[in-house]
Amino acid sequence: MTMKNKSTKRLLASIVLSFQSIVIFFATLTAFGLKMAEPTSNLPAIELIWGIGLSFALLAILTPAFLRNPAGYWLGWFVQAALLVSGFWLWGMFVIGTILVGLWIWGLVAGATIDKARENYNKLMGEQIASDPSSN
């Protein structure tokens, strides 16, 4: 019986992005509480903060669905860049964003390493089973 191998890289990236969506939601609450946006004649500050914050959080929570192809990872990098840029409005996001971008990079590197090791292990086990005369 063959098990379908799931990508550890995709799993770790999804975990980081899901956690980031929660952080982004709380950053939005903080920006709202600190009144970080000035009201304009066209758009009240409350709608501006919540519109940007919730859209960004929704993008972070939906991005894991696109990680099946390489373009999804580019979308993930966009979320990371936007997270760091948000530090210009809420300075604490520079610190939190740096930590989360570090987790994103770690997830991609560690996940790819684990996936490659699993692939090599499966290849070696397949060769060993094929060459073992007692398995027939």
Protein backbone atom coordinates (compact mmCIF):
# COMPACT_ATOMS: atom_id res chain seq x y z
CA MET A 1 0.00 0.00 0.00
CA THR A 2 1.45 3.36 -1.03
CA MET A 3 0.89 6.45 1.07
CA LYS A 4 0.48 9.78 -0.63
CA ASN A 5 3.25 12.05 0.57
CA LYS A 6 2.14 15.46 1.71
CA SER A 7 4.52 18.37 1.32
CA THR A 8 6.04 19.45 4.62
CA LYS A 9 7.06 22.74 3.00
CA ARG A 10 3.44 23.46 2.13
CA LEU A 11 2.29 22.43 5.61
CA LEU A 12 4.78 24.67 7.44
CA ALA A 13 4.09 27.62 5.12
CA SER A 14 0.35 27.19 5.71
CA ILE A 15 0.83 27.17 9.48
CA VAL A 16 2.89 30.37 9.37
CA LEU A 17 0.38 32.15 7.11
CA SER A 18 -2.56 31.08 9.28
CA PHE A 19 -0.82 32.38 12.38
CA GLN A 20 0.00 35.61 10.54
CA SER A 21 -3.67 36.19 9.79
CA ILE A 22 -4.37 36.22 13.53
CA VAL A 23 -1.47 38.61 14.14
CA ILE A 24 -2.72 40.88 11.35
CA PHE A 25 -6.21 40.93 12.86
CA PHE A 26 -4.80 41.99 16.26
CA ALA A 27 -2.59 44.59 14.57
CA THR A 28 -5.72 45.96 12.92
CA LEU A 29 -7.39 46.21 16.32
CA THR A 30 -4.32 48.03 17.63
CA ALA A 31 -4.26 50.46 14.69
CA PHE A 32 -7.96 51.12 15.21
CA GLY A 33 -7.50 51.71 18.93
CA LEU A 34 -4.59 54.07 18.35
CA LYS A 35 -6.51 55.92 15.61
CA MET A 36 -3.70 55.44 13.10
CA ALA A 37 -5.64 56.74 10.07
CA GLU A 38 -6.86 60.25 9.48
CA PRO A 39 -10.45 60.60 8.29
CA THR A 40 -10.82 61.86 4.74
CA SER A 41 -13.82 63.41 3.12
CA ASN A 42 -14.44 60.27 1.06
CA LEU A 43 -13.66 57.49 3.51
CA PRO A 44 -13.91 57.52 7.30
CA ALA A 45 -10.79 56.36 9.16
CA ILE A 46 -12.64 53.43 10.72
CA GLU A 47 -13.52 51.99 7.32
CA LEU A 48 -10.00 52.57 6.01
CA ILE A 49 -8.31 50.75 8.91
CA TRP A 50 -10.76 47.86 8.96
CA GLY A 51 -10.87 47.60 5.17
CA ILE A 52 -7.10 47.32 4.82
CA GLY A 53 -6.59 45.20 7.94
CA LEU A 54 -9.32 42.66 7.31
CA SER A 55 -8.47 42.39 3.61
CA PHE A 56 -4.86 41.71 4.51
CA ALA A 57 -5.85 39.14 7.17
CA LEU A 58 -8.18 37.44 4.69
CA LEU A 59 -5.40 37.32 2.09
CA ALA A 60 -3.09 35.66 4.65
CA ILE A 61 -5.70 33.05 5.59
CA LEU A 62 -6.59 32.27 1.94
CA THR A 63 -3.02 32.09 0.61
CA PRO A 64 -2.40 28.48 1.83
CA ALA A 65 -5.06 27.33 -0.64
CA PHE A 66 -2.82 28.58 -3.47
CA LEU A 67 0.36 26.87 -2.26
CA ARG A 68 -0.29 23.93 -4.58
CA ASN A 69 1.61 25.76 -7.30
CA PRO A 70 4.69 28.01 -7.20
CA ALA A 71 2.64 31.19 -7.72
CA GLY A 72 1.12 30.62 -4.27
CA TYR A 73 4.54 31.00 -2.69
CA TRP A 74 4.99 34.32 -4.49
CA LEU A 75 1.69 35.40 -2.98
CA GLY A 76 3.07 34.31 0.40
CA TRP A 77 6.14 36.47 -0.15
CA PHE A 78 3.84 39.39 -0.96
CA VAL A 79 2.11 38.88 2.41
CA GLN A 80 5.52 38.89 4.10
CA ALA A 81 6.54 42.13 2.38
CA ALA A 82 3.24 43.81 3.25
CA LEU A 83 3.63 42.68 6.85
CA LEU A 84 7.02 44.39 7.08
CA VAL A 85 5.81 47.53 5.30
CA SER A 86 2.96 47.83 7.83
CA GLY A 87 5.64 48.74 10.35
CA PHE A 88 5.69 52.26 8.88
CA TRP A 89 2.21 52.80 10.34
CA LEU A 90 2.48 50.62 13.44
CA TRP A 91 6.13 50.47 14.52
CA GLY A 92 5.74 47.22 16.47
CA MET A 93 5.04 45.42 13.21
CA PHE A 94 8.72 45.84 12.27
CA VAL A 95 9.62 43.60 15.21
CA ILE A 96 6.71 41.18 14.89
CA GLY A 97 7.00 41.16 11.10
CA THR A 98 10.70 40.32 11.24
CA ILE A 99 9.98 37.37 13.53
CA LEU A 100 7.17 36.12 11.30
CA VAL A 101 9.20 36.55 8.10
CA GLY A 102 11.93 34.54 9.82
CA LEU A 103 9.39 31.81 10.56
CA TRP A 104 8.24 31.93 6.92
CA ILE A 105 11.81 31.49 5.67
CA TRP A 106 12.45 28.72 8.21
CA GLY A 107 9.25 26.95 7.13
CA LEU A 108 10.24 27.06 3.48
CA VAL A 109 13.83 25.92 4.05
CA ALA A 110 13.07 23.25 6.66
CA GLY A 111 10.04 22.00 4.75
CA ALA A 112 11.99 21.67 1.50
CA THR A 113 14.79 19.86 3.35
CA ILE A 114 12.37 17.41 4.95
CA ASP A 115 10.58 16.83 1.63
CA LYS A 116 13.89 16.11 -0.11
CA ALA A 117 14.98 13.75 2.69
CA ARG A 118 11.65 11.91 2.51
CA GLU A 119 11.99 11.60 -1.26
CA ASN A 120 15.51 10.16 -0.91
CA TYR A 121 14.35 7.78 1.82
CA ASN A 122 11.46 6.51 -0.30
CA LYS A 123 13.78 6.09 -3.26
CA LEU A 124 16.29 4.11 -1.19
CA MET A 125 13.59 1.95 0.36
CA GLY A 126 12.15 1.24 -3.07
CA GLU A 127 15.58 0.17 -4.35
CA GLN A 128 16.19 -1.95 -1.26
CA ILE A 129 12.88 -3.77 -1.59
CA ALA A 130 13.46 -4.36 -5.32
CA SER A 131 16.96 -5.78 -4.73
CA ASP A 132 16.04 -7.94 -1.70
CA PRO A 133 15.42 -11.49 -2.97
CA SER A 134 13.63 -12.48 0.24
CA SER A 135 10.85 -9.98 -0.47
CA ASN A 136 9.57 -12.03 -3.43
